[in-house]
C-alpha cells in the first residue's frame, strides 16, 4: 500500500521493484541508482520512495479501509484469487469488502450493454441464476444494465457474486446501485485495485475489465454494440487464455452487433447456463436446475380466459405497445387495459416505460 501511495509510481513499476528486491519493504532500503535501474524510474520518483513521501499516510489509509468494513489483500495472501494470479498483469494489491473469495469456487464473468433490451436483461439474469444454482459464481462490474442483471440473478438464488469496481471501495458508481452495492457486500464480494477516494474516471475501466476476466474461467457477453467496453473485456479474456461466450440476439438490434461479431470470430454460442458449463468442462450436482434454454416460451395458462390467452400469445421478449395489442386483439381499449393489469398483477407479464409490455 505504501508503494501504491508514492506519486508517479505505477503498478508495473511496483511489480518490477518487488520482483527485483523480493519484498516490498526492501524497496525502501535500496539506493536511488538501484531503484532507477530496477524499474527505469525517474530520479525524483526514486527519491520520493526513499524519503517515504506518500500521497497519504499508509497506516491511516489502512485504518480508513477497516472503518468502512474493508480489508486489503496482497498478491501473496491466501485469499488472493488463484485465477487472478495467472494473468500477465495481475494487481499486487486488492481492496475488498464482503465475504472472503472462496478458494475452490469456479467463477464466470458476465458483461454487456449498459442500455440493454428486456430480452438482454431477462437472459442475463436467467443465465446468472442458473450458473449459481449449479455452484458457479458470477463476476461482473456493477454497471447499469447487463452487469446489474448478472449480479441480481446471482442474488436471486443466494449465489455468490463478485463486483469488480472501477472506483475506490468507498465510491459507489453508479449511485443508483447503492442498494445493490450493499447486497453484494453482504452476500458476495466487492473488489477494486484503486485506492480509497478514486473517482470513476474513464481510464480506470479497462484496468478493471482485466480483473473481471482474470477472476473467471470464461466471459459471457450479453448484448454489446460494435464499439463496446464488453468487447474490450472479451479481448482481454482471450489474451488471458479464457473462454469467450456470446449470447445471440436479434439481427435487427444494434445491441447485438458486438455479440454476433464475436460469434463470427470464434466465440462459443451461449443461450443457457448449460452451454457455458459444457464449454468450460464443468459438471453440476443439480443437472435439472441447468435448463437447455434460459427462456422457454411458456404456454398460456389453462385458467386464463380466451381473450387473456390471445393477448399473452402476442407477447414475448420484445416489447409490444398497448396500441398494437388493442389493434390486434379487437376487443376494445378498456378491456385490453383491464386484462393487461390483471396479468401484470399475477406476474405473467411486465409493463415497461412507454406503455410497452413483455412476458415476465
Foldseek 3Di string as FASTA:
>chain_A
DLQVQQPPQDQVLQVQLCVVQVHNVVLLVDDLVVSCVSRVDDSVSSVCSVVSVGNDDPVVLQVVLVVVQKHKDAPPDPLPAPLQVQFPRHGRMKIKFADRDDRPAAEEEEDADLDDALVLLLQLLLQLLLCQVQRHEYEYALHHDSRVSNLVSCVVNLGEYEHEYLFAPPDDPPPVCPVVNVSNSHRYMYMYSDGPPGDNDPVSVLVSLLVRLSNHQEYEYGFAAPDGVSVSSNVSNVSSVHAYEYEADDPPDRRRPNRVVVVVVDHHYDQWNVSVCVVSVHDGPCVVSTDPHSDDLDQDDPPDDPLLNVLLVVAARHWDALVVSCVVSVPDSVVSVVSVVVCVVVQQWDADPPRIIHGD
